[in-house]
Amino acid sequence: MIASPMPLGPFLVRDGGRLAVRRQDAPAGFSFQWRNRRFLVRLAAQHLFFAVPAGRVPSTSAGAARRAAGLELLRALPAALHPGWTLRLLPDHRIQLETEQDMEWPTTIGALMAPVIALVMDAAPVMDLLDEGALAY
């Protein structure tokens, strides 16, 4: 007989397969790789936080024209974002997409993965723009 709740990484699996965050004082989460990018999912305080470094601004060593084209694309990107998404330029010149949404806990794995898949699909068109433009990762 499997004990309930059963620890599973940063989660507890309760009766009926419902997941709960194992420690309330530390965010739980996971990451996965898709399209050569590492997606980060964190869960804390009834929120699902999603982040992905999606591109990179070319350095001056890549050439002035490529850098200028990259900065022009970066200025245009906010118009292509889904509502609730933000774009951050990190100190190392990576471009990170972020969003968060409410998430009821405890939840099932299916209820957790459905918004994660939807968020990945929302990020895909922006990653396409970055890959086709001067901001490829």
N, C-alpha and C. Protein backbone atom coordinates (compact mmCIF):
# COMPACT_ATOMS: atom_id res chain seq x y z
N MET A 1 0.84 -1.18 0.00
CA MET A 1 0.00 0.00 0.00
C MET A 1 0.88 1.24 0.00
N ILE A 2 0.56 2.18 -0.86
CA ILE A 2 1.32 3.42 -0.96
C ILE A 2 0.76 4.41 0.06
N ALA A 3 1.69 5.01 0.79
CA ALA A 3 1.29 5.98 1.81
C ALA A 3 0.69 7.21 1.15
N SER A 4 -0.28 7.81 1.82
CA SER A 4 -0.86 9.06 1.35
C SER A 4 -0.70 10.09 2.45
N PRO A 5 -0.14 11.22 2.18
CA PRO A 5 0.36 11.70 0.91
C PRO A 5 1.74 11.10 0.60
N MET A 6 2.00 10.88 -0.69
CA MET A 6 3.26 10.32 -1.14
C MET A 6 4.13 11.45 -1.70
N PRO A 7 5.38 11.57 -1.21
CA PRO A 7 6.26 12.61 -1.76
C PRO A 7 6.67 12.28 -3.19
N LEU A 8 6.68 13.31 -4.04
CA LEU A 8 7.10 13.17 -5.42
C LEU A 8 7.82 14.46 -5.80
N GLY A 9 9.15 14.47 -5.63
CA GLY A 9 9.91 15.69 -5.87
C GLY A 9 9.41 16.81 -4.98
N PRO A 10 9.10 17.99 -5.54
CA PRO A 10 8.63 19.10 -4.72
C PRO A 10 7.13 19.04 -4.40
N PHE A 11 6.49 17.91 -4.75
CA PHE A 11 5.04 17.79 -4.57
C PHE A 11 4.71 16.66 -3.61
N LEU A 12 3.48 16.68 -3.14
CA LEU A 12 2.87 15.56 -2.42
C LEU A 12 1.70 15.08 -3.25
N VAL A 13 1.63 13.78 -3.46
CA VAL A 13 0.49 13.20 -4.19
C VAL A 13 -0.49 12.70 -3.15
N ARG A 14 -1.67 13.26 -3.16
CA ARG A 14 -2.70 12.89 -2.18
C ARG A 14 -3.68 11.90 -2.80
N ASP A 15 -4.61 11.45 -1.99
CA ASP A 15 -5.65 10.54 -2.49
C ASP A 15 -6.31 11.14 -3.72
N GLY A 16 -6.62 10.29 -4.68
CA GLY A 16 -7.26 10.74 -5.91
C GLY A 16 -6.26 11.34 -6.89
N GLY A 17 -4.97 11.25 -6.60
CA GLY A 17 -3.95 11.76 -7.51
C GLY A 17 -3.79 13.27 -7.51
N ARG A 18 -4.30 13.93 -6.48
CA ARG A 18 -4.19 15.39 -6.43
C ARG A 18 -2.82 15.78 -5.92
N LEU A 19 -2.20 16.75 -6.60
CA LEU A 19 -0.89 17.25 -6.23
C LEU A 19 -1.02 18.44 -5.30
N ALA A 20 -0.13 18.52 -4.35
CA ALA A 20 -0.03 19.68 -3.48
C ALA A 20 1.45 20.05 -3.41
N VAL A 21 1.73 21.32 -3.15
CA VAL A 21 3.11 21.76 -2.97
C VAL A 21 3.60 21.19 -1.64
N ARG A 22 4.78 20.59 -1.69
CA ARG A 22 5.32 19.89 -0.52
C ARG A 22 5.68 20.84 0.61
N ARG A 23 6.34 21.95 0.29
CA ARG A 23 6.75 22.93 1.30
C ARG A 23 6.19 24.28 0.94
N GLN A 24 5.42 24.86 1.83
CA GLN A 24 4.79 26.15 1.57
C GLN A 24 5.80 27.31 1.61
N ASP A 25 6.94 27.11 2.26
CA ASP A 25 7.93 28.17 2.38
C ASP A 25 8.90 28.21 1.19
N ALA A 26 8.80 27.27 0.27
CA ALA A 26 9.68 27.24 -0.90
C ALA A 26 8.84 26.92 -2.13
N PRO A 27 9.03 27.69 -3.21
CA PRO A 27 8.23 27.40 -4.40
C PRO A 27 8.61 26.07 -5.02
N ALA A 28 7.62 25.38 -5.50
CA ALA A 28 7.84 24.12 -6.21
C ALA A 28 7.85 24.44 -7.70
N GLY A 29 8.37 23.55 -8.47
CA GLY A 29 8.36 23.79 -9.89
C GLY A 29 9.09 22.72 -10.66
N PHE A 30 9.19 22.97 -11.94
CA PHE A 30 9.90 22.04 -12.82
C PHE A 30 10.31 22.82 -14.06
N SER A 31 11.17 22.22 -14.84
CA SER A 31 11.58 22.83 -16.10
C SER A 31 11.56 21.75 -17.17
N PHE A 32 11.51 22.20 -18.41
CA PHE A 32 11.55 21.27 -19.53
C PHE A 32 12.18 21.98 -20.72
N GLN A 33 12.66 21.21 -21.66
CA GLN A 33 13.32 21.73 -22.85
C GLN A 33 12.39 21.58 -24.05
N TRP A 34 12.25 22.66 -24.83
CA TRP A 34 11.46 22.62 -26.06
C TRP A 34 12.02 23.68 -27.00
N ARG A 35 12.23 23.33 -28.23
CA ARG A 35 12.76 24.24 -29.24
C ARG A 35 14.07 24.89 -28.80
N ASN A 36 14.94 24.07 -28.22
CA ASN A 36 16.26 24.51 -27.76
C ASN A 36 16.20 25.59 -26.68
N ARG A 37 15.11 25.61 -25.95
CA ARG A 37 14.96 26.58 -24.87
C ARG A 37 14.52 25.84 -23.60
N ARG A 38 14.97 26.36 -22.48
CA ARG A 38 14.59 25.77 -21.19
C ARG A 38 13.44 26.58 -20.60
N PHE A 39 12.31 25.94 -20.46
CA PHE A 39 11.11 26.57 -19.90
C PHE A 39 11.08 26.29 -18.40
N LEU A 40 10.79 27.31 -17.63
CA LEU A 40 10.72 27.19 -16.18
C LEU A 40 9.28 27.41 -15.74
N VAL A 41 8.79 26.49 -14.92
CA VAL A 41 7.45 26.60 -14.34
C VAL A 41 7.61 26.56 -12.83
N ARG A 42 7.13 27.61 -12.15
CA ARG A 42 7.17 27.66 -10.69
C ARG A 42 5.75 27.78 -10.17
N LEU A 43 5.52 27.18 -9.03
CA LEU A 43 4.19 27.17 -8.42
C LEU A 43 4.33 27.65 -6.98
N ALA A 44 3.64 28.72 -6.65
CA ALA A 44 3.70 29.23 -5.28
C ALA A 44 2.48 30.11 -5.04
N ALA A 45 1.97 30.04 -3.84
CA ALA A 45 0.88 30.92 -3.39
C ALA A 45 -0.26 30.99 -4.41
N GLN A 46 -0.73 29.85 -4.85
CA GLN A 46 -1.86 29.76 -5.77
C GLN A 46 -1.58 30.40 -7.13
N HIS A 47 -0.31 30.49 -7.51
CA HIS A 47 0.06 31.04 -8.81
C HIS A 47 0.93 30.06 -9.58
N LEU A 48 0.82 30.13 -10.88
CA LEU A 48 1.68 29.39 -11.80
C LEU A 48 2.50 30.46 -12.52
N PHE A 49 3.82 30.42 -12.35
CA PHE A 49 4.72 31.38 -12.98
C PHE A 49 5.48 30.65 -14.09
N PHE A 50 5.54 31.27 -15.25
CA PHE A 50 6.10 30.64 -16.44
C PHE A 50 7.13 31.59 -17.04
N ALA A 51 8.34 31.10 -17.32
CA ALA A 51 9.39 31.94 -17.92
C ALA A 51 10.20 31.12 -18.91
N VAL A 52 10.62 31.79 -19.98
CA VAL A 52 11.48 31.14 -20.96
C VAL A 52 12.39 32.19 -21.58
N PRO A 53 13.72 31.96 -21.51
CA PRO A 53 14.62 32.81 -22.29
C PRO A 53 14.39 32.48 -23.76
N ALA A 54 13.87 33.43 -24.51
CA ALA A 54 13.39 33.14 -25.86
C ALA A 54 14.32 33.62 -26.96
N GLY A 55 15.22 34.52 -26.66
CA GLY A 55 16.11 35.04 -27.68
C GLY A 55 17.25 35.79 -27.04
N ARG A 56 18.07 36.40 -27.87
CA ARG A 56 19.23 37.14 -27.38
C ARG A 56 19.51 38.31 -28.31
N VAL A 57 19.78 39.47 -27.71
CA VAL A 57 20.18 40.64 -28.49
C VAL A 57 21.62 40.44 -28.92
N PRO A 58 21.90 40.60 -30.21
CA PRO A 58 23.28 40.42 -30.68
C PRO A 58 24.21 41.46 -30.06
N SER A 59 25.42 41.03 -29.77
CA SER A 59 26.41 41.98 -29.25
C SER A 59 26.97 42.81 -30.41
N THR A 60 27.71 43.83 -30.07
CA THR A 60 28.30 44.68 -31.10
C THR A 60 29.30 43.90 -31.95
N SER A 61 29.88 42.83 -31.39
CA SER A 61 30.84 42.04 -32.16
C SER A 61 30.16 41.28 -33.31
N ALA A 62 28.83 41.13 -33.26
CA ALA A 62 28.10 40.46 -34.34
C ALA A 62 27.89 41.38 -35.54
N GLY A 63 28.22 42.65 -35.36
CA GLY A 63 28.06 43.63 -36.44
C GLY A 63 26.98 44.63 -36.13
N ALA A 64 27.22 45.86 -36.53
CA ALA A 64 26.28 46.94 -36.23
C ALA A 64 24.92 46.73 -36.88
N ALA A 65 24.90 46.22 -38.11
CA ALA A 65 23.62 46.03 -38.81
C ALA A 65 22.78 44.96 -38.12
N ARG A 66 23.40 43.86 -37.72
CA ARG A 66 22.65 42.79 -37.05
C ARG A 66 22.13 43.26 -35.69
N ARG A 67 22.96 43.98 -34.95
CA ARG A 67 22.53 44.50 -33.65
C ARG A 67 21.38 45.49 -33.83
N ALA A 68 21.48 46.38 -34.79
CA ALA A 68 20.41 47.36 -35.04
C ALA A 68 19.11 46.66 -35.41
N ALA A 69 19.21 45.63 -36.27
CA ALA A 69 18.00 44.87 -36.65
C ALA A 69 17.41 44.16 -35.44
N GLY A 70 18.27 43.64 -34.57
CA GLY A 70 17.79 42.97 -33.37
C GLY A 70 17.09 43.92 -32.43
N LEU A 71 17.64 45.11 -32.24
CA LEU A 71 17.01 46.10 -31.36
C LEU A 71 15.69 46.60 -31.93
N GLU A 72 15.62 46.72 -33.25
CA GLU A 72 14.36 47.12 -33.89
C GLU A 72 13.28 46.06 -33.66
N LEU A 73 13.66 44.79 -33.83
CA LEU A 73 12.71 43.70 -33.58
C LEU A 73 12.30 43.67 -32.10
N LEU A 74 13.23 43.90 -31.22
CA LEU A 74 12.93 43.91 -29.78
C LEU A 74 11.90 44.98 -29.45
N ARG A 75 12.03 46.16 -30.05
CA ARG A 75 11.05 47.23 -29.81
C ARG A 75 9.66 46.87 -30.32
N ALA A 76 9.59 46.05 -31.38
CA ALA A 76 8.30 45.68 -31.97
C ALA A 76 7.65 44.48 -31.26
N LEU A 77 8.42 43.71 -30.51
CA LEU A 77 7.89 42.48 -29.92
C LEU A 77 6.71 42.65 -28.97
N PRO A 78 6.67 43.68 -28.12
CA PRO A 78 5.52 43.78 -27.20
C PRO A 78 4.16 43.73 -27.89
N ALA A 79 4.07 44.22 -29.10
CA ALA A 79 2.79 44.18 -29.83
C ALA A 79 2.40 42.76 -30.22
N ALA A 80 3.37 41.84 -30.26
CA ALA A 80 3.08 40.46 -30.66
C ALA A 80 2.76 39.56 -29.47
N LEU A 81 2.89 40.09 -28.25
CA LEU A 81 2.68 39.27 -27.05
C LEU A 81 1.20 39.07 -26.76
N HIS A 82 0.88 37.89 -26.23
CA HIS A 82 -0.47 37.63 -25.74
C HIS A 82 -0.71 38.48 -24.49
N PRO A 83 -1.97 38.83 -24.20
CA PRO A 83 -2.26 39.58 -22.97
C PRO A 83 -1.73 38.84 -21.75
N GLY A 84 -1.16 39.58 -20.83
CA GLY A 84 -0.63 39.00 -19.59
C GLY A 84 0.83 38.60 -19.67
N TRP A 85 1.40 38.60 -20.85
CA TRP A 85 2.82 38.26 -21.02
C TRP A 85 3.66 39.52 -20.89
N THR A 86 4.85 39.36 -20.34
CA THR A 86 5.81 40.45 -20.29
C THR A 86 7.10 39.99 -20.95
N LEU A 87 7.86 40.96 -21.36
CA LEU A 87 9.13 40.72 -22.02
C LEU A 87 10.19 41.41 -21.18
N ARG A 88 11.25 40.69 -20.84
CA ARG A 88 12.33 41.29 -20.05
C ARG A 88 13.64 41.12 -20.79
N LEU A 89 14.47 42.14 -20.76
CA LEU A 89 15.81 42.06 -21.28
C LEU A 89 16.72 41.84 -20.07
N LEU A 90 17.36 40.67 -20.02
CA LEU A 90 18.20 40.30 -18.89
C LEU A 90 19.60 40.91 -19.05
N PRO A 91 20.36 41.03 -17.96
CA PRO A 91 21.69 41.65 -18.03
C PRO A 91 22.64 40.99 -19.03
N ASP A 92 22.46 39.70 -19.30
CA ASP A 92 23.34 39.02 -20.26
C ASP A 92 22.82 39.09 -21.69
N HIS A 93 21.87 39.99 -21.94
CA HIS A 93 21.27 40.27 -23.25
C HIS A 93 20.27 39.21 -23.71
N ARG A 94 19.90 38.27 -22.82
CA ARG A 94 18.85 37.33 -23.19
C ARG A 94 17.50 38.03 -23.07
N ILE A 95 16.57 37.61 -23.91
CA ILE A 95 15.21 38.13 -23.89
C ILE A 95 14.35 37.05 -23.25
N GLN A 96 13.68 37.38 -22.17
CA GLN A 96 12.88 36.39 -21.45
C GLN A 96 11.41 36.76 -21.51
N LEU A 97 10.60 35.77 -21.88
CA LEU A 97 9.14 35.91 -21.84
C LEU A 97 8.66 35.39 -20.50
N GLU A 98 7.72 36.09 -19.88
CA GLU A 98 7.19 35.69 -18.58
C GLU A 98 5.69 35.93 -18.52
N THR A 99 5.03 35.10 -17.75
CA THR A 99 3.63 35.32 -17.44
C THR A 99 3.30 34.55 -16.17
N GLU A 100 2.20 34.86 -15.58
CA GLU A 100 1.71 34.08 -14.45
C GLU A 100 0.20 34.07 -14.47
N GLN A 101 -0.35 33.07 -13.83
CA GLN A 101 -1.80 32.97 -13.73
C GLN A 101 -2.16 32.27 -12.43
N ASP A 102 -3.40 32.45 -12.03
CA ASP A 102 -3.88 31.80 -10.82
C ASP A 102 -3.97 30.30 -11.05
N MET A 103 -3.75 29.55 -9.98
CA MET A 103 -3.81 28.08 -10.06
C MET A 103 -4.35 27.57 -8.73
N GLU A 104 -5.41 26.81 -8.78
CA GLU A 104 -5.98 26.25 -7.56
C GLU A 104 -5.18 25.05 -7.11
N TRP A 105 -4.92 24.99 -5.82
CA TRP A 105 -4.19 23.86 -5.23
C TRP A 105 -5.03 23.26 -4.12
N PRO A 106 -4.97 21.98 -3.92
CA PRO A 106 -4.25 20.99 -4.71
C PRO A 106 -4.92 20.79 -6.07
N THR A 107 -4.15 20.21 -7.01
CA THR A 107 -4.63 20.01 -8.37
C THR A 107 -4.20 18.65 -8.88
N THR A 108 -4.69 18.27 -10.01
CA THR A 108 -4.25 17.02 -10.64
C THR A 108 -3.16 17.35 -11.66
N ILE A 109 -2.44 16.34 -12.09
CA ILE A 109 -1.41 16.57 -13.09
C ILE A 109 -2.01 17.08 -14.40
N GLY A 110 -3.17 16.59 -14.76
CA GLY A 110 -3.83 17.07 -15.98
C GLY A 110 -4.20 18.54 -15.88
N ALA A 111 -4.72 18.95 -14.73
CA ALA A 111 -5.09 20.35 -14.52
C ALA A 111 -3.86 21.24 -14.46
N LEU A 112 -2.72 20.69 -14.09
CA LEU A 112 -1.48 21.45 -14.07
C LEU A 112 -0.89 21.57 -15.48
N MET A 113 -0.94 20.48 -16.24
CA MET A 113 -0.32 20.48 -17.57
C MET A 113 -1.12 21.25 -18.61
N ALA A 114 -2.43 21.32 -18.48
CA ALA A 114 -3.24 22.02 -19.48
C ALA A 114 -2.82 23.49 -19.63
N PRO A 115 -2.67 24.27 -18.55
CA PRO A 115 -2.22 25.65 -18.75
C PRO A 115 -0.77 25.73 -19.20
N VAL A 116 0.06 24.79 -18.81
CA VAL A 116 1.46 24.79 -19.25
C VAL A 116 1.52 24.63 -20.77
N ILE A 117 0.75 23.70 -21.30
CA ILE A 117 0.73 23.49 -22.75
C ILE A 117 0.16 24.72 -23.46
N ALA A 118 -0.88 25.31 -22.90
CA ALA A 118 -1.45 26.52 -23.50
C ALA A 118 -0.42 27.66 -23.50
N LEU A 119 0.35 27.79 -22.43
CA LEU A 119 1.36 28.84 -22.36
C LEU A 119 2.47 28.60 -23.38
N VAL A 120 2.86 27.36 -23.57
CA VAL A 120 3.86 27.03 -24.58
C VAL A 120 3.35 27.41 -25.97
N MET A 121 2.10 27.11 -26.24
CA MET A 121 1.52 27.46 -27.54
C MET A 121 1.43 28.98 -27.72
N ASP A 122 1.16 29.71 -26.63
CA ASP A 122 1.14 31.17 -26.70
C ASP A 122 2.53 31.74 -26.99
N ALA A 123 3.56 31.09 -26.46
CA ALA A 123 4.94 31.57 -26.65
C ALA A 123 5.49 31.24 -28.03
N ALA A 124 4.95 30.22 -28.68
CA ALA A 124 5.51 29.75 -29.95
C ALA A 124 5.58 30.82 -31.04
N PRO A 125 4.54 31.63 -31.28
CA PRO A 125 4.65 32.64 -32.35
C PRO A 125 5.75 33.68 -32.07
N VAL A 126 5.94 34.02 -30.82
CA VAL A 126 7.00 34.98 -30.47
C VAL A 126 8.36 34.35 -30.71
N MET A 127 8.51 33.09 -30.36
CA MET A 127 9.77 32.39 -30.62
C MET A 127 10.02 32.29 -32.12
N ASP A 128 8.97 32.09 -32.92
CA ASP A 128 9.12 32.07 -34.37
C ASP A 128 9.67 33.40 -34.88
N LEU A 129 9.12 34.52 -34.38
CA LEU A 129 9.61 35.84 -34.77
C LEU A 129 11.08 36.00 -34.41
N LEU A 130 11.44 35.57 -33.22
CA LEU A 130 12.83 35.69 -32.77
C LEU A 130 13.76 34.82 -33.61
N ASP A 131 13.32 33.60 -33.91
CA ASP A 131 14.16 32.69 -34.69
C ASP A 131 14.36 33.16 -36.12
N GLU A 132 13.33 33.79 -36.68
CA GLU A 132 13.41 34.27 -38.06
C GLU A 132 14.14 35.60 -38.16
N GLY A 133 14.18 36.33 -37.05
CA GLY A 133 14.80 37.66 -37.06
C GLY A 133 16.21 37.63 -36.52
N ALA A 134 16.66 38.78 -36.11
CA ALA A 134 18.04 38.94 -35.66
C ALA A 134 18.22 38.63 -34.18
N LEU A 135 17.22 38.03 -33.54
CA LEU A 135 17.30 37.77 -32.11
C LEU A 135 17.30 36.28 -31.80
N ALA A 136 17.73 35.45 -32.74
CA ALA A 136 17.74 34.00 -32.54
C ALA A 136 18.54 33.64 -31.31
N TYR A 137 18.09 32.62 -30.62
CA TYR A 137 18.72 32.20 -29.37
C TYR A 137 19.83 31.23 -29.63
